[in-house]
Amino acid sequence: MAMTYCILGPLLLFTESKLYGSDAMRQALPITLLAIFFFAYNLASLAIFRKLLYSGSKSITIFYLTSKLMRLLLCMVIFIGYGILVRSSLLLFAVNLVVFYIVSILTNSIYCIREENIIKKKK
């Protein structure tokens, strides 16, 4: 998971710099902060998921859906905050945010499915 975010940040910055030129370089700090945020959120979310899964809790589905909803709401708050505070390069930031959001959802879902399959095979 960490490798995904380490590769995604520079890849986004490189792609945007080819498409938008020097405007994209202003996105280096926001891309780094987004990577840190999504990594930390995924790490915390997966730790809680794993604890619930191995304890046999029945609230795994509720947690999983709540986690996805919280991630979406936090993304909206981050975007609004960026728009209010920075007010420039909103399109580039929105693209970065959406890409990190999608990658975060995918990595989280893949991990959860794998963990659930491991538990099912053990039973």
Protein backbone atom coordinates (compact mmCIF):
# COMPACT_ATOMS: atom_id res chain seq x y z
CA MET A 1 0.00 0.00 0.00
CA ALA A 2 2.79 2.44 0.86
CA MET A 3 4.48 1.69 -2.45
CA THR A 4 1.28 2.59 -4.29
CA TYR A 5 1.22 6.08 -2.80
CA CYS A 6 4.97 6.54 -3.28
CA ILE A 7 4.59 5.80 -6.99
CA LEU A 8 1.27 7.60 -7.50
CA GLY A 9 2.45 11.02 -6.28
CA PRO A 10 5.41 11.43 -8.65
CA LEU A 11 3.41 9.86 -11.48
CA LEU A 12 0.64 12.44 -11.05
CA LEU A 13 3.13 15.28 -10.81
CA PHE A 14 5.01 14.12 -13.92
CA THR A 15 1.80 13.70 -15.93
CA GLU A 16 0.44 17.07 -14.89
CA SER A 17 3.73 18.84 -15.59
CA LYS A 18 3.69 17.42 -19.14
CA LEU A 19 0.08 18.51 -19.66
CA TYR A 20 -0.04 21.83 -17.81
CA GLY A 21 3.58 22.95 -17.56
CA SER A 22 4.78 24.97 -14.60
CA ASP A 23 1.29 25.27 -13.06
CA ALA A 24 1.52 21.64 -12.07
CA MET A 25 4.61 22.21 -9.95
CA ARG A 26 2.47 24.13 -7.47
CA GLN A 27 0.73 20.83 -6.82
CA ALA A 28 3.83 19.11 -5.39
CA LEU A 29 2.99 19.97 -1.77
CA PRO A 30 -0.75 19.20 -2.08
CA ILE A 31 0.05 15.85 -3.74
CA THR A 32 2.43 14.98 -0.92
CA LEU A 33 -0.12 15.96 1.72
CA LEU A 34 -2.86 13.99 -0.04
CA ALA A 35 -0.62 10.92 -0.16
CA ILE A 36 0.10 11.22 3.56
CA PHE A 37 -3.58 11.74 4.39
CA PHE A 38 -4.83 8.80 2.34
CA PHE A 39 -2.06 6.52 3.58
CA ALA A 40 -2.79 7.38 7.22
CA TYR A 41 -6.54 7.01 6.72
CA ASN A 42 -6.16 3.67 4.98
CA LEU A 43 -3.75 2.42 7.63
CA ALA A 44 -6.12 3.33 10.47
CA SER A 45 -9.16 2.00 8.62
CA LEU A 46 -7.51 -1.32 7.81
CA ALA A 47 -6.24 -1.75 11.37
CA ILE A 48 -9.76 -1.32 12.72
CA PHE A 49 -11.18 -3.59 10.02
CA ARG A 50 -8.66 -6.31 10.83
CA LYS A 51 -9.40 -6.07 14.54
CA LEU A 52 -13.14 -6.36 13.90
CA LEU A 53 -12.63 -9.22 11.47
CA TYR A 54 -10.47 -11.33 13.77
CA SER A 55 -12.71 -10.66 16.77
CA GLY A 56 -15.66 -12.05 14.84
CA SER A 57 -17.67 -8.84 15.11
CA LYS A 58 -20.96 -8.63 13.27
CA SER A 59 -20.52 -4.91 12.59
CA ILE A 60 -17.89 -5.30 9.88
CA THR A 61 -20.28 -4.33 7.09
CA ILE A 62 -21.43 -1.23 8.96
CA PHE A 63 -17.82 -0.24 9.62
CA TYR A 64 -16.84 -0.84 6.00
CA LEU A 65 -19.65 1.36 4.66
CA THR A 66 -19.09 4.02 7.32
CA SER A 67 -15.40 4.11 6.46
CA LYS A 68 -16.20 4.68 2.78
CA LEU A 69 -18.68 7.42 3.65
CA MET A 70 -16.21 9.15 5.99
CA ARG A 71 -13.53 9.01 3.30
CA LEU A 72 -15.88 10.68 0.82
CA LEU A 73 -16.96 13.36 3.30
CA LEU A 74 -13.35 14.07 4.27
CA CYS A 75 -12.47 14.46 0.59
CA MET A 76 -15.27 16.97 0.17
CA VAL A 77 -14.09 18.91 3.23
CA ILE A 78 -10.50 18.86 1.94
CA PHE A 79 -11.60 20.15 -1.46
CA ILE A 80 -13.72 22.93 0.03
CA GLY A 81 -10.90 23.86 2.40
CA TYR A 82 -8.40 23.97 -0.46
CA GLY A 83 -10.78 26.10 -2.50
CA ILE A 84 -11.28 28.58 0.32
CA LEU A 85 -7.63 28.78 1.40
CA VAL A 86 -5.67 28.49 -1.85
CA ARG A 87 -8.14 29.46 -4.62
CA SER A 88 -5.81 28.48 -7.44
CA SER A 89 -5.35 25.35 -9.54
CA LEU A 90 -8.64 23.90 -8.31
CA LEU A 91 -8.97 21.63 -11.34
CA LEU A 92 -5.54 20.09 -10.86
CA PHE A 93 -6.17 19.62 -7.16
CA ALA A 94 -9.56 18.05 -7.86
CA VAL A 95 -7.98 15.60 -10.31
CA ASN A 96 -5.32 14.66 -7.76
CA LEU A 97 -7.91 14.25 -5.03
CA VAL A 98 -10.13 12.03 -7.19
CA VAL A 99 -7.19 9.85 -8.27
CA PHE A 100 -6.01 9.40 -4.69
CA TYR A 101 -9.60 8.70 -3.59
CA ILE A 102 -10.10 6.01 -6.23
CA VAL A 103 -6.73 4.38 -5.52
CA SER A 104 -7.47 4.50 -1.80
CA ILE A 105 -10.85 2.82 -2.29
CA LEU A 106 -9.33 0.15 -4.53
CA THR A 107 -6.43 -0.71 -2.22
CA ASN A 108 -8.72 -0.77 0.78
CA SER A 109 -11.26 -3.01 -0.96
CA ILE A 110 -8.63 -5.43 -2.23
CA TYR A 111 -7.12 -5.79 1.24
CA CYS A 112 -10.52 -6.32 2.89
CA ILE A 113 -11.56 -8.94 0.35
CA ARG A 114 -8.26 -10.80 0.79
CA GLU A 115 -8.56 -10.78 4.57
CA GLU A 116 -12.15 -12.00 4.46
CA ASN A 117 -11.17 -14.83 2.09
CA ILE A 118 -8.35 -15.89 4.44
CA ILE A 119 -10.78 -16.01 7.37
CA LYS A 120 -13.35 -17.99 5.33
CA LYS A 121 -10.71 -20.54 4.28
CA LYS A 122 -9.68 -21.06 7.89
CA LYS A 123 -13.26 -21.89 8.92
